[in-house]
Amino acid sequence: MKLTFILLTVASVSLLPSLSTAGLQLNADKSQVATGKEEFDPKRDAAQDIAVALKMASKENKRVLLNVGGNWCSWCKKLDGLLRSDKDISRILKDKYVVVPVNYSQENPNRAILSKYPQVTGYPHLFVLDVKGKVIKSQDTSELEDLDKYDTAKVLSFLKHFVP
C-alpha cells in the first residue's frame, strides 16, 4: 500500500509541469490565458503568453485571439464583459479560440511584441492569428460597436467568420 501511495505521489508531482506550459495557466473554461485578477495584467509576459497560446491552438485546431487593451479603457471593459457574459460568444471562444489578453498601458505598453503586428489605432483591438502566428485579421473594434455598447450580433459574426 505504501509503495502504491509513493508511486502515485511521484507520478502526480512529475505531471505538474505539464499542467502549465512555461508558467502559463488557463482559466476554468480553458479558452483564455489566465491573467490573474485583472483582465489586462501589465506584469504578464505577452510574448510568452502568445507563444504558449499558439502551441495550444495548434494542438486543438483553434485560432488565437489577441485582445489588446488595458484596465484603464472603458471600451476594453465593455468588450471583456460581453465576451464573458454572452453564452453564444463564450461558447465559440471556448470551442474555437485561445484568447490572450495583451496589456497596453503606461506601465507596460508591450511595444516589442505589438510591433510585430499591424498598427493599432485604438483600444481595444483584436488580432486573429492562425496556428503559426500569422495575422488573419486585424480588427478595429469600433466597427463592432452599437452606440454605447458592443453589438452582440456583430461580435459573434466576426468570431464565426474566422473559425478554423
N, C-alpha and C. Protein backbone atom coordinates (compact mmCIF):
# COMPACT_ATOMS: atom_id res chain seq x y z
N MET A 1 0.81 -1.19 0.00
CA MET A 1 0.00 0.00 0.00
C MET A 1 0.86 1.25 0.00
N LYS A 2 1.94 1.25 0.83
CA LYS A 2 2.83 2.40 0.87
C LYS A 2 3.50 2.61 -0.48
N LEU A 3 3.89 1.54 -1.15
CA LEU A 3 4.54 1.64 -2.46
C LEU A 3 3.60 2.27 -3.48
N THR A 4 2.35 1.86 -3.46
CA THR A 4 1.34 2.43 -4.37
C THR A 4 1.18 3.92 -4.11
N PHE A 5 1.09 4.31 -2.85
CA PHE A 5 0.95 5.72 -2.50
C PHE A 5 2.16 6.52 -2.97
N ILE A 6 3.34 6.00 -2.76
CA ILE A 6 4.57 6.68 -3.17
C ILE A 6 4.61 6.82 -4.69
N LEU A 7 4.28 5.77 -5.40
CA LEU A 7 4.29 5.82 -6.86
C LEU A 7 3.27 6.84 -7.38
N LEU A 8 2.09 6.87 -6.79
CA LEU A 8 1.06 7.84 -7.21
C LEU A 8 1.51 9.27 -6.90
N THR A 9 2.14 9.47 -5.77
CA THR A 9 2.63 10.80 -5.40
C THR A 9 3.70 11.26 -6.38
N VAL A 10 4.66 10.39 -6.68
CA VAL A 10 5.73 10.72 -7.62
C VAL A 10 5.14 11.02 -9.00
N ALA A 11 4.21 10.21 -9.44
CA ALA A 11 3.59 10.43 -10.74
C ALA A 11 2.85 11.76 -10.77
N SER A 12 2.14 12.09 -9.71
CA SER A 12 1.40 13.36 -9.65
C SER A 12 2.35 14.54 -9.71
N VAL A 13 3.41 14.49 -8.93
CA VAL A 13 4.38 15.59 -8.90
C VAL A 13 5.06 15.73 -10.25
N SER A 14 5.37 14.63 -10.92
CA SER A 14 6.05 14.71 -12.20
C SER A 14 5.15 15.28 -13.30
N LEU A 15 3.83 15.20 -13.11
CA LEU A 15 2.89 15.75 -14.09
C LEU A 15 2.66 17.24 -13.91
N LEU A 16 3.00 17.81 -12.78
CA LEU A 16 2.72 19.21 -12.53
C LEU A 16 3.27 20.14 -13.59
N PRO A 17 4.51 19.99 -14.07
CA PRO A 17 5.00 20.91 -15.09
C PRO A 17 4.16 20.87 -16.37
N SER A 18 3.56 19.74 -16.71
CA SER A 18 2.78 19.67 -17.94
C SER A 18 1.44 20.38 -17.81
N LEU A 19 1.00 20.66 -16.58
CA LEU A 19 -0.26 21.36 -16.39
C LEU A 19 -0.12 22.85 -16.69
N SER A 20 1.09 23.33 -16.75
CA SER A 20 1.35 24.74 -17.03
C SER A 20 2.55 24.81 -17.95
N THR A 21 2.36 25.35 -19.11
CA THR A 21 3.45 25.45 -20.07
C THR A 21 4.15 26.78 -19.87
N ALA A 22 5.41 26.73 -19.53
CA ALA A 22 6.22 27.93 -19.33
C ALA A 22 5.55 28.91 -18.37
N GLY A 23 4.89 28.38 -17.35
CA GLY A 23 4.28 29.24 -16.35
C GLY A 23 2.91 29.77 -16.74
N LEU A 24 2.43 29.46 -17.91
CA LEU A 24 1.15 29.96 -18.37
C LEU A 24 0.04 29.07 -17.84
N GLN A 25 -1.00 29.68 -17.33
CA GLN A 25 -2.12 28.94 -16.82
C GLN A 25 -3.36 29.33 -17.59
N LEU A 26 -4.35 28.47 -17.56
CA LEU A 26 -5.61 28.76 -18.23
C LEU A 26 -6.71 28.97 -17.22
N ASN A 27 -7.73 29.71 -17.64
CA ASN A 27 -8.86 29.88 -16.74
C ASN A 27 -9.69 28.61 -16.74
N ALA A 28 -10.78 28.63 -16.00
CA ALA A 28 -11.58 27.42 -15.78
C ALA A 28 -12.10 26.80 -17.06
N ASP A 29 -12.46 27.61 -18.06
CA ASP A 29 -13.01 27.00 -19.27
C ASP A 29 -11.93 26.69 -20.31
N LYS A 30 -10.67 26.91 -19.98
CA LYS A 30 -9.53 26.55 -20.82
C LYS A 30 -9.53 27.22 -22.18
N SER A 31 -10.22 28.35 -22.33
CA SER A 31 -10.21 29.04 -23.60
C SER A 31 -9.43 30.34 -23.53
N GLN A 32 -9.05 30.74 -22.34
CA GLN A 32 -8.38 32.03 -22.20
C GLN A 32 -7.19 31.90 -21.28
N VAL A 33 -6.12 32.57 -21.66
CA VAL A 33 -4.95 32.62 -20.82
C VAL A 33 -5.31 33.38 -19.55
N ALA A 34 -5.05 32.77 -18.42
CA ALA A 34 -5.39 33.42 -17.14
C ALA A 34 -4.43 34.58 -16.91
N THR A 35 -4.97 35.67 -16.42
CA THR A 35 -4.15 36.84 -16.19
C THR A 35 -4.23 37.32 -14.76
N GLY A 36 -4.78 36.54 -13.90
CA GLY A 36 -4.91 36.97 -12.52
C GLY A 36 -6.22 37.69 -12.30
N LYS A 37 -6.22 38.68 -11.41
CA LYS A 37 -7.45 39.37 -11.06
C LYS A 37 -7.89 40.36 -12.13
N GLU A 38 -6.94 40.92 -12.85
CA GLU A 38 -7.27 41.91 -13.86
C GLU A 38 -7.25 41.28 -15.24
N GLU A 39 -8.14 41.76 -16.10
CA GLU A 39 -8.18 41.25 -17.47
C GLU A 39 -6.85 41.50 -18.19
N PHE A 40 -6.36 42.72 -18.10
CA PHE A 40 -5.10 43.08 -18.76
C PHE A 40 -4.04 43.29 -17.70
N ASP A 41 -3.23 42.29 -17.49
CA ASP A 41 -2.24 42.31 -16.43
C ASP A 41 -0.91 42.81 -16.98
N PRO A 42 -0.47 43.99 -16.54
CA PRO A 42 0.78 44.55 -17.06
C PRO A 42 2.01 43.74 -16.67
N LYS A 43 1.87 42.82 -15.73
CA LYS A 43 3.01 42.01 -15.30
C LYS A 43 3.20 40.76 -16.15
N ARG A 44 2.23 40.42 -16.99
CA ARG A 44 2.33 39.22 -17.83
C ARG A 44 3.34 39.43 -18.93
N ASP A 45 3.95 38.36 -19.35
CA ASP A 45 4.87 38.36 -20.50
C ASP A 45 4.03 38.02 -21.73
N ALA A 46 3.62 39.03 -22.47
CA ALA A 46 2.71 38.83 -23.61
C ALA A 46 3.34 37.93 -24.67
N ALA A 47 4.62 38.08 -24.92
CA ALA A 47 5.27 37.25 -25.93
C ALA A 47 5.21 35.77 -25.54
N GLN A 48 5.46 35.48 -24.28
CA GLN A 48 5.39 34.10 -23.79
C GLN A 48 3.96 33.59 -23.85
N ASP A 49 3.00 34.42 -23.43
CA ASP A 49 1.59 34.01 -23.46
C ASP A 49 1.16 33.67 -24.88
N ILE A 50 1.57 34.48 -25.84
CA ILE A 50 1.20 34.24 -27.24
C ILE A 50 1.85 32.95 -27.75
N ALA A 51 3.11 32.74 -27.41
CA ALA A 51 3.81 31.53 -27.85
C ALA A 51 3.10 30.27 -27.33
N VAL A 52 2.72 30.30 -26.07
CA VAL A 52 2.04 29.14 -25.48
C VAL A 52 0.65 28.98 -26.11
N ALA A 53 -0.04 30.09 -26.33
CA ALA A 53 -1.37 30.03 -26.95
C ALA A 53 -1.28 29.44 -28.35
N LEU A 54 -0.25 29.78 -29.09
CA LEU A 54 -0.09 29.21 -30.44
C LEU A 54 0.12 27.71 -30.39
N LYS A 55 0.87 27.23 -29.41
CA LYS A 55 1.06 25.79 -29.26
C LYS A 55 -0.27 25.11 -28.93
N MET A 56 -1.01 25.72 -28.03
CA MET A 56 -2.31 25.16 -27.65
C MET A 56 -3.25 25.16 -28.85
N ALA A 57 -3.28 26.25 -29.58
CA ALA A 57 -4.17 26.36 -30.75
C ALA A 57 -3.82 25.32 -31.79
N SER A 58 -2.54 25.06 -31.97
CA SER A 58 -2.10 24.06 -32.94
C SER A 58 -2.58 22.67 -32.53
N LYS A 59 -2.45 22.35 -31.26
CA LYS A 59 -2.87 21.04 -30.77
C LYS A 59 -4.38 20.85 -30.83
N GLU A 60 -5.12 21.95 -30.65
CA GLU A 60 -6.57 21.86 -30.53
C GLU A 60 -7.31 22.36 -31.78
N ASN A 61 -6.57 22.68 -32.84
CA ASN A 61 -7.15 23.20 -34.08
C ASN A 61 -8.04 24.42 -33.80
N LYS A 62 -7.44 25.42 -33.17
CA LYS A 62 -8.15 26.66 -32.83
C LYS A 62 -7.39 27.86 -33.39
N ARG A 63 -8.03 28.99 -33.38
CA ARG A 63 -7.40 30.27 -33.69
C ARG A 63 -6.95 30.89 -32.37
N VAL A 64 -6.03 31.84 -32.48
CA VAL A 64 -5.63 32.63 -31.33
C VAL A 64 -6.26 34.00 -31.50
N LEU A 65 -6.90 34.49 -30.46
CA LEU A 65 -7.50 35.82 -30.46
C LEU A 65 -6.73 36.68 -29.48
N LEU A 66 -6.00 37.66 -30.00
CA LEU A 66 -5.31 38.62 -29.14
C LEU A 66 -6.27 39.76 -28.87
N ASN A 67 -6.53 40.02 -27.62
CA ASN A 67 -7.40 41.11 -27.20
C ASN A 67 -6.50 42.15 -26.56
N VAL A 68 -6.18 43.19 -27.31
CA VAL A 68 -5.21 44.20 -26.86
C VAL A 68 -5.97 45.37 -26.22
N GLY A 69 -5.59 45.69 -25.01
CA GLY A 69 -6.25 46.79 -24.31
C GLY A 69 -5.67 46.99 -22.94
N GLY A 70 -6.39 47.69 -22.11
CA GLY A 70 -5.91 47.95 -20.77
C GLY A 70 -7.05 48.15 -19.79
N ASN A 71 -6.74 47.99 -18.53
CA ASN A 71 -7.74 48.16 -17.48
C ASN A 71 -8.19 49.61 -17.34
N TRP A 72 -7.46 50.53 -17.92
CA TRP A 72 -7.80 51.95 -17.92
C TRP A 72 -8.88 52.29 -18.94
N CYS A 73 -9.18 51.36 -19.84
CA CYS A 73 -10.00 51.60 -21.03
C CYS A 73 -11.44 51.12 -20.80
N SER A 74 -12.40 52.06 -20.83
CA SER A 74 -13.80 51.67 -20.59
C SER A 74 -14.34 50.76 -21.69
N TRP A 75 -13.95 50.98 -22.94
CA TRP A 75 -14.42 50.12 -24.03
C TRP A 75 -13.81 48.72 -23.92
N CYS A 76 -12.60 48.64 -23.40
CA CYS A 76 -11.97 47.33 -23.18
C CYS A 76 -12.78 46.53 -22.16
N LYS A 77 -13.23 47.21 -21.12
CA LYS A 77 -14.04 46.55 -20.09
C LYS A 77 -15.39 46.13 -20.65
N LYS A 78 -15.97 46.97 -21.52
CA LYS A 78 -17.25 46.61 -22.13
C LYS A 78 -17.10 45.37 -23.01
N LEU A 79 -16.03 45.33 -23.81
CA LEU A 79 -15.82 44.18 -24.68
C LEU A 79 -15.57 42.93 -23.85
N ASP A 80 -14.73 43.05 -22.85
CA ASP A 80 -14.45 41.91 -21.98
C ASP A 80 -15.73 41.40 -21.33
N GLY A 81 -16.58 42.33 -20.87
CA GLY A 81 -17.84 41.94 -20.26
C GLY A 81 -18.71 41.15 -21.22
N LEU A 82 -18.78 41.59 -22.47
CA LEU A 82 -19.58 40.88 -23.47
C LEU A 82 -18.98 39.51 -23.78
N LEU A 83 -17.66 39.44 -23.93
CA LEU A 83 -17.01 38.17 -24.25
C LEU A 83 -17.24 37.14 -23.15
N ARG A 84 -17.34 37.60 -21.92
CA ARG A 84 -17.53 36.69 -20.79
C ARG A 84 -19.00 36.37 -20.52
N SER A 85 -19.90 37.32 -20.79
CA SER A 85 -21.28 37.14 -20.35
C SER A 85 -22.22 36.54 -21.40
N ASP A 86 -21.97 36.78 -22.67
CA ASP A 86 -22.87 36.25 -23.69
C ASP A 86 -22.57 34.77 -23.91
N LYS A 87 -23.59 33.93 -23.76
CA LYS A 87 -23.35 32.48 -23.82
C LYS A 87 -22.91 32.01 -25.20
N ASP A 88 -23.42 32.60 -26.28
CA ASP A 88 -23.02 32.18 -27.62
C ASP A 88 -21.59 32.59 -27.93
N ILE A 89 -21.23 33.81 -27.52
CA ILE A 89 -19.86 34.28 -27.72
C ILE A 89 -18.90 33.46 -26.85
N SER A 90 -19.27 33.24 -25.60
CA SER A 90 -18.41 32.44 -24.71
C SER A 90 -18.19 31.04 -25.27
N ARG A 91 -19.23 30.45 -25.84
CA ARG A 91 -19.13 29.09 -26.38
C ARG A 91 -18.17 29.05 -27.58
N ILE A 92 -18.30 29.99 -28.50
CA ILE A 92 -17.42 29.97 -29.67
C ILE A 92 -15.98 30.25 -29.26
N LEU A 93 -15.79 31.12 -28.28
CA LEU A 93 -14.43 31.37 -27.79
C LEU A 93 -13.85 30.11 -27.17
N LYS A 94 -14.63 29.44 -26.36
CA LYS A 94 -14.16 28.22 -25.70
C LYS A 94 -13.84 27.12 -26.72
N ASP A 95 -14.70 26.96 -27.72
CA ASP A 95 -14.56 25.87 -28.67
C ASP A 95 -13.57 26.13 -29.80
N LYS A 96 -13.40 27.39 -30.19
CA LYS A 96 -12.67 27.68 -31.42
C LYS A 96 -11.47 28.62 -31.28
N TYR A 97 -11.27 29.19 -30.10
CA TYR A 97 -10.20 30.17 -29.91
C TYR A 97 -9.42 29.92 -28.63
N VAL A 98 -8.19 30.38 -28.63
CA VAL A 98 -7.43 30.55 -27.40
C VAL A 98 -7.27 32.06 -27.29
N VAL A 99 -7.83 32.64 -26.24
CA VAL A 99 -7.85 34.09 -26.08
C VAL A 99 -6.68 34.54 -25.22
N VAL A 100 -5.96 35.56 -25.71
CA VAL A 100 -4.83 36.11 -24.97
C VAL A 100 -5.04 37.60 -24.77
N PRO A 101 -5.33 38.03 -23.55
CA PRO A 101 -5.37 39.46 -23.29
C PRO A 101 -3.94 40.01 -23.33
N VAL A 102 -3.73 41.06 -24.10
CA VAL A 102 -2.40 41.69 -24.19
C VAL A 102 -2.54 43.10 -23.64
N ASN A 103 -1.84 43.36 -22.56
CA ASN A 103 -1.92 44.65 -21.90
C ASN A 103 -1.25 45.74 -22.73
N TYR A 104 -1.92 46.88 -22.78
CA TYR A 104 -1.31 48.11 -23.31
C TYR A 104 -1.62 49.20 -22.30
N SER A 105 -0.58 49.67 -21.64
CA SER A 105 -0.75 50.72 -20.63
C SER A 105 0.57 51.47 -20.49
N GLN A 106 0.54 52.56 -19.74
CA GLN A 106 1.78 53.29 -19.47
C GLN A 106 2.76 52.40 -18.72
N GLU A 107 2.24 51.58 -17.83
CA GLU A 107 3.10 50.69 -17.05
C GLU A 107 3.80 49.67 -17.94
N ASN A 108 3.09 49.14 -18.92
CA ASN A 108 3.67 48.15 -19.82
C ASN A 108 2.95 48.22 -21.18
N PRO A 109 3.52 48.96 -22.13
CA PRO A 109 2.88 49.09 -23.44
C PRO A 109 3.15 47.90 -24.38
N ASN A 110 3.94 46.94 -23.95
CA ASN A 110 4.24 45.76 -24.77
C ASN A 110 4.65 46.13 -26.19
N ARG A 111 5.49 47.15 -26.31
CA ARG A 111 5.92 47.65 -27.62
C ARG A 111 6.59 46.57 -28.46
N ALA A 112 7.47 45.80 -27.86
CA ALA A 112 8.24 44.81 -28.62
C ALA A 112 7.33 43.81 -29.31
N ILE A 113 6.38 43.24 -28.57
CA ILE A 113 5.50 42.23 -29.18
C ILE A 113 4.49 42.87 -30.11
N LEU A 114 3.93 44.01 -29.73
CA LEU A 114 2.92 44.64 -30.58
C LEU A 114 3.52 45.20 -31.88
N SER A 115 4.82 45.46 -31.90
CA SER A 115 5.45 45.96 -33.12
C SER A 115 5.48 44.89 -34.22
N LYS A 116 5.22 43.65 -33.87
CA LYS A 116 5.20 42.56 -34.84
C LYS A 116 3.87 42.46 -35.59
N TYR A 117 2.90 43.24 -35.15
CA TYR A 117 1.56 43.18 -35.72
C TYR A 117 1.21 44.51 -36.38
N PRO A 118 0.15 44.53 -37.20
CA PRO A 118 -0.26 45.81 -37.80
C PRO A 118 -0.53 46.85 -36.71
N GLN A 119 -0.38 48.10 -37.09
CA GLN A 119 -0.54 49.20 -36.14
C GLN A 119 -1.94 49.23 -35.54
N VAL A 120 -1.97 49.45 -34.25
CA VAL A 120 -3.22 49.59 -33.52
C VAL A 120 -3.50 51.08 -33.38
N THR A 121 -4.71 51.49 -33.78
CA THR A 121 -5.04 52.91 -33.72
C THR A 121 -6.01 53.24 -32.59
N GLY A 122 -6.55 52.23 -31.94
CA GLY A 122 -7.47 52.45 -30.82
C GLY A 122 -7.63 51.17 -30.03
N TYR A 123 -8.19 51.31 -28.84
CA TYR A 123 -8.32 50.17 -27.93
C TYR A 123 -9.76 50.02 -27.50
N PRO A 124 -10.20 48.78 -27.34
CA PRO A 124 -9.47 47.54 -27.56
C PRO A 124 -9.27 47.27 -29.05
N HIS A 125 -8.37 46.35 -29.33
CA HIS A 125 -8.10 45.93 -30.70
C HIS A 125 -7.96 44.42 -30.68
N LEU A 126 -8.49 43.78 -31.72
CA LEU A 126 -8.43 42.32 -31.81
C LEU A 126 -7.56 41.89 -32.98
N PHE A 127 -6.75 40.87 -32.75
CA PHE A 127 -6.00 40.21 -33.81
C PHE A 127 -6.40 38.75 -33.79
N VAL A 128 -6.72 38.21 -34.95
CA VAL A 128 -6.96 36.78 -35.09
C VAL A 128 -5.72 36.20 -35.75
N LEU A 129 -5.14 35.19 -35.11
CA LEU A 129 -3.93 34.54 -35.63
C LEU A 129 -4.22 33.09 -35.98
N ASP A 130 -3.51 32.60 -37.01
CA ASP A 130 -3.58 31.17 -37.27
C ASP A 130 -2.58 30.46 -36.35
N VAL A 131 -2.48 29.16 -36.45
CA VAL A 131 -1.63 28.39 -35.53
C VAL A 131 -0.14 28.67 -35.69
N LYS A 132 0.23 29.30 -36.78
CA LYS A 132 1.64 29.66 -36.98
C LYS A 132 1.94 31.09 -36.55
N GLY A 133 0.90 31.80 -36.11
CA GLY A 133 1.08 33.17 -35.65
C GLY A 133 0.84 34.22 -36.72
N LYS A 134 0.43 33.79 -37.90
CA LYS A 134 0.15 34.74 -38.98
C LYS A 134 -1.16 35.47 -38.68
N VAL A 135 -1.15 36.78 -38.89
CA VAL A 135 -2.35 37.58 -38.66
C VAL A 135 -3.34 37.31 -39.79
N ILE A 136 -4.50 36.82 -39.41
CA ILE A 136 -5.59 36.59 -40.36
C ILE A 136 -6.45 37.84 -40.44
N LYS A 137 -6.62 38.51 -39.29
CA LYS A 137 -7.45 39.70 -39.25
C LYS A 137 -6.98 40.63 -38.14
N SER A 138 -6.87 41.90 -38.48
CA SER A 138 -6.61 42.96 -37.52
C SER A 138 -7.91 43.76 -37.45
N GLN A 139 -8.56 43.75 -36.29
CA GLN A 139 -9.91 44.32 -36.20
C GLN A 139 -9.99 45.53 -35.27
N ASP A 140 -10.32 46.67 -35.84
CA ASP A 140 -10.66 47.86 -35.07
C ASP A 140 -12.04 47.60 -34.48
N THR A 141 -12.13 47.55 -33.18
CA THR A 141 -13.40 47.14 -32.56
C THR A 141 -14.48 48.21 -32.63
N SER A 142 -14.14 49.42 -33.04
CA SER A 142 -15.19 50.43 -33.18
C SER A 142 -16.22 49.99 -34.22
N GLU A 143 -15.81 49.14 -35.15
CA GLU A 143 -16.72 48.62 -36.16
C GLU A 143 -17.73 47.62 -35.57
N LEU A 144 -17.47 47.17 -34.35
CA LEU A 144 -18.35 46.20 -33.69
C LEU A 144 -19.26 46.87 -32.66
N GLU A 145 -19.19 48.19 -32.59
CA GLU A 145 -19.96 48.93 -31.60
C GLU A 145 -21.36 49.25 -32.11
N ASP A 146 -22.23 49.51 -31.13
CA ASP A 146 -23.57 50.00 -31.40
C ASP A 146 -23.89 51.03 -30.31
N LEU A 147 -23.77 52.30 -30.67
CA LEU A 147 -23.96 53.41 -29.73
C LEU A 147 -22.99 53.31 -28.57
N ASP A 148 -23.46 53.00 -27.36
CA ASP A 148 -22.59 52.99 -26.19
C ASP A 148 -22.22 51.60 -25.71
N LYS A 149 -22.37 50.60 -26.59
CA LYS A 149 -22.03 49.21 -26.22
C LYS A 149 -21.57 48.47 -27.47
N TYR A 150 -21.16 47.22 -27.27
CA TYR A 150 -20.82 46.37 -28.41
C TYR A 150 -22.06 45.65 -28.89
N ASP A 151 -22.16 45.48 -30.20
CA ASP A 151 -23.28 44.79 -30.81
C ASP A 151 -22.98 43.29 -30.77
N THR A 152 -23.77 42.57 -30.01
CA THR A 152 -23.55 41.13 -29.83
C THR A 152 -23.53 40.39 -31.16
N ALA A 153 -24.44 40.70 -32.05
CA ALA A 153 -24.51 40.02 -33.35
C ALA A 153 -23.27 40.29 -34.18
N LYS A 154 -22.76 41.52 -34.15
CA LYS A 154 -21.54 41.85 -34.91
C LYS A 154 -20.33 41.11 -34.36
N VAL A 155 -20.21 41.07 -33.05
CA VAL A 155 -19.07 40.37 -32.43
C VAL A 155 -19.15 38.88 -32.74
N LEU A 156 -20.32 38.31 -32.61
CA LEU A 156 -20.50 36.88 -32.89
C LEU A 156 -20.21 36.58 -34.36
N SER A 157 -20.68 37.41 -35.25
CA SER A 157 -20.42 37.22 -36.68
C SER A 157 -18.93 37.30 -36.98
N PHE A 158 -18.26 38.27 -36.38
CA PHE A 158 -16.81 38.41 -36.53
C PHE A 158 -16.10 37.13 -36.10
N LEU A 159 -16.44 36.62 -34.92
CA LEU A 159 -15.78 35.41 -34.41
C LEU A 159 -16.08 34.20 -35.28
N LYS A 160 -17.31 34.05 -35.71
CA LYS A 160 -17.69 32.90 -36.56
C LYS A 160 -16.96 32.92 -37.89
N HIS A 161 -16.73 34.10 -38.41
CA HIS A 161 -16.09 34.25 -39.72
C HIS A 161 -14.67 33.66 -39.75
N PHE A 162 -13.99 33.67 -38.63
CA PHE A 162 -12.58 33.27 -38.62
C PHE A 162 -12.31 31.93 -37.95
N VAL A 163 -13.35 31.16 -37.64
CA VAL A 163 -13.09 29.84 -37.04
C VAL A 163 -12.39 28.94 -38.04
N PRO A 164 -11.53 28.05 -37.57
CA PRO A 164 -10.82 27.15 -38.49
C PRO A 164 -11.76 26.13 -39.15
